[in-house]
Amino acid sequence: MKGNLYIFIFIAALFLTLTSCTHQWQDPDTSLATQSISIASLISSRDAYDSSGVSLIGKVWNLQVGSTKSQNDNVMEETYTTFILADRMGTGVDVYAPGEVPIAEGDFVRVVGIYRKEFQNTGDYFSNVVDAVRIEEWNPGFNYWIREFEFD
């Protein structure tokens, strides 16, 4: 009888341990604690958001793809994408994304990244830029346009 009690306690403890470990895994490279803010709020409070995770919505302008210049022939050049993310009023913030991002000029996107007042990526220097972790296609719905025109 005592043996069955120990087996029951062991199975219950094993069950509780396994169920507590079954949360959804998130890739640390793409998961980031962010705050959804407007581009105008970010620009007006640059010091407050320095090194913070931000989520911004806007339109892509001045899309450019570049690469870091190698000092050594053995070092491979790395490609990056930069663009300006602008809101309806034309207020914009620079965005840096590693690699070549499959977006086009004029696309509406949501950028999730870390805002940095000063940012240097091996060789190239950027200031006041969002270091993008994730860029998602975004479709502005009717509620977005109502909210935007509400403050005119």
Protein backbone atom coordinates (compact mmCIF):
# COMPACT_ATOMS: atom_id res chain seq x y z
CA MET A 1 0.00 0.00 0.00
CA LYS A 2 2.82 2.34 0.91
CA GLY A 3 4.57 1.55 -2.41
CA ASN A 4 1.49 2.60 -4.38
CA LEU A 5 1.40 5.91 -2.51
CA TYR A 6 5.02 6.65 -3.46
CA ILE A 7 4.34 5.79 -7.10
CA PHE A 8 1.27 8.04 -7.11
CA ILE A 9 3.25 10.96 -5.60
CA PHE A 10 6.07 10.40 -8.09
CA ILE A 11 3.69 10.37 -11.09
CA ALA A 12 1.85 13.47 -9.82
CA ALA A 13 5.13 15.34 -9.34
CA LEU A 14 6.34 14.27 -12.79
CA PHE A 15 3.06 15.39 -14.37
CA LEU A 16 3.21 18.82 -12.66
CA THR A 17 6.83 19.29 -13.68
CA LEU A 18 6.17 18.43 -17.32
CA THR A 19 3.07 20.62 -17.61
CA SER A 20 4.91 23.61 -16.19
CA CYS A 21 7.56 23.31 -18.92
CA THR A 22 5.21 23.30 -21.91
CA HIS A 23 5.07 27.03 -22.68
CA GLN A 24 5.45 28.19 -26.27
CA TRP A 25 9.07 28.68 -27.25
CA GLN A 26 10.02 32.03 -28.76
CA ASP A 27 13.16 32.68 -30.73
CA PRO A 28 15.16 35.28 -28.79
CA ASP A 29 16.35 36.86 -32.04
CA THR A 30 12.80 37.77 -33.04
CA SER A 31 11.02 38.19 -29.71
CA LEU A 32 11.38 41.58 -28.07
CA ALA A 33 9.44 43.39 -25.39
CA THR A 34 8.21 46.52 -27.16
CA GLN A 35 5.89 49.44 -26.74
CA SER A 36 3.69 50.52 -29.64
CA ILE A 37 4.28 54.22 -30.09
CA SER A 38 3.85 56.77 -32.84
CA ILE A 39 6.81 58.00 -34.83
CA ALA A 40 6.11 61.57 -33.67
CA SER A 41 6.30 60.47 -30.00
CA LEU A 42 9.62 58.74 -30.66
CA ILE A 43 11.10 61.79 -32.39
CA SER A 44 9.93 64.21 -29.70
CA SER A 45 11.32 62.04 -26.83
CA ARG A 46 14.53 60.56 -28.23
CA ASP A 47 16.26 60.36 -24.83
CA ALA A 48 13.32 58.57 -23.20
CA TYR A 49 13.27 55.78 -25.80
CA ASP A 50 17.05 55.30 -26.21
CA SER A 51 17.83 51.53 -26.17
CA SER A 52 14.13 50.67 -25.76
CA GLY A 53 12.13 48.16 -27.73
CA VAL A 54 9.66 49.97 -30.00
CA SER A 55 6.95 48.95 -32.43
CA LEU A 56 6.27 51.53 -35.16
CA ILE A 57 3.84 51.64 -38.07
CA GLY A 58 4.44 53.70 -41.18
CA LYS A 59 5.24 53.92 -44.85
CA VAL A 60 8.61 53.02 -46.39
CA TRP A 61 10.53 55.84 -48.08
CA ASN A 62 14.08 56.18 -49.41
CA LEU A 63 14.74 52.41 -49.46
CA GLN A 64 18.42 51.57 -49.93
CA VAL A 65 20.43 48.36 -49.81
CA GLY A 66 24.10 48.68 -48.88
CA SER A 67 26.98 46.57 -47.73
CA THR A 68 29.78 46.98 -45.26
CA LYS A 69 33.18 47.54 -46.82
CA SER A 70 35.72 44.90 -45.93
CA GLN A 71 39.22 45.95 -44.89
CA ASN A 72 40.53 42.45 -45.45
CA ASP A 73 39.99 40.28 -48.53
CA ASN A 74 39.16 37.29 -46.29
CA VAL A 75 36.20 39.12 -44.67
CA MET A 76 32.89 38.74 -46.45
CA GLU A 77 30.80 41.87 -47.07
CA GLU A 78 27.52 41.97 -45.17
CA THR A 79 24.38 43.40 -46.75
CA TYR A 80 21.98 45.69 -44.90
CA THR A 81 18.84 47.65 -45.72
CA THR A 82 18.08 51.19 -44.61
CA PHE A 83 14.93 53.24 -45.12
CA ILE A 84 12.86 56.00 -43.61
CA LEU A 85 9.64 54.96 -41.89
CA ALA A 86 7.22 57.87 -42.07
CA ASP A 87 3.76 58.54 -40.69
CA ARG A 88 0.93 60.31 -42.53
CA MET A 89 2.23 63.76 -41.58
CA GLY A 90 5.70 63.00 -43.02
CA THR A 91 7.50 62.60 -39.69
CA GLY A 92 10.07 59.89 -40.20
CA VAL A 93 12.68 57.82 -38.44
CA ASP A 94 15.60 55.92 -39.97
CA VAL A 95 15.46 52.12 -39.86
CA TYR A 96 18.40 49.73 -40.18
CA ALA A 97 17.81 46.04 -40.94
CA PRO A 98 20.51 43.42 -41.49
CA GLY A 99 20.29 41.63 -44.83
CA GLU A 100 18.13 42.48 -47.81
CA VAL A 101 14.53 43.03 -46.71
CA PRO A 102 11.78 42.05 -49.21
CA ILE A 103 9.87 45.35 -49.11
CA ALA A 104 9.29 48.05 -51.70
CA GLU A 105 9.15 51.82 -51.67
CA GLY A 106 5.72 52.95 -50.47
CA ASP A 107 4.82 49.76 -48.55
CA PHE A 108 3.06 50.03 -45.19
CA VAL A 109 5.02 48.06 -42.58
CA ARG A 110 5.29 47.47 -38.84
CA VAL A 111 8.86 47.67 -37.59
CA VAL A 112 9.77 46.01 -34.30
CA GLY A 113 13.23 46.88 -33.07
CA ILE A 114 15.45 48.77 -30.67
CA TYR A 115 15.74 52.53 -30.96
CA ARG A 116 19.30 53.74 -30.65
CA LYS A 117 20.53 57.32 -30.51
CA GLU A 118 23.93 56.09 -31.66
CA PHE A 119 24.40 52.87 -33.61
CA GLN A 120 27.47 51.51 -35.36
CA ASN A 121 27.54 48.36 -37.40
CA THR A 122 31.12 47.50 -38.36
CA GLY A 123 32.27 50.37 -40.50
CA ASP A 124 29.07 52.34 -40.99
CA TYR A 125 27.79 54.79 -38.38
CA PHE A 126 24.12 55.62 -37.89
CA SER A 127 22.50 58.01 -35.42
CA ASN A 128 18.86 58.12 -34.30
CA VAL A 129 17.95 54.82 -35.89
CA VAL A 130 15.69 51.86 -35.16
CA ASP A 131 17.72 48.64 -35.28
CA ALA A 132 15.02 46.36 -36.73
CA VAL A 133 14.54 42.87 -35.33
CA ARG A 134 11.37 42.16 -37.32
CA ILE A 135 9.62 43.89 -40.22
CA GLU A 136 6.05 42.85 -40.95
CA GLU A 137 3.77 43.75 -43.81
CA TRP A 138 0.92 45.89 -42.48
CA ASN A 139 -2.37 46.88 -44.07
CA PRO A 140 -3.91 50.12 -42.74
CA GLY A 141 -7.57 49.52 -42.03
CA PHE A 142 -10.45 51.95 -41.75
CA ASN A 143 -9.88 52.42 -37.99
CA TYR A 144 -6.30 53.54 -38.64
CA TRP A 145 -7.35 56.30 -41.01
CA ILE A 146 -10.16 57.49 -38.69
CA ARG A 147 -7.68 57.71 -35.82
CA GLU A 148 -5.14 59.60 -37.96
CA PHE A 149 -7.66 62.21 -39.15
CA GLU A 150 -9.06 62.63 -35.66
CA PHE A 151 -6.07 64.74 -34.59
CA ASP A 152 -5.99 67.17 -37.55
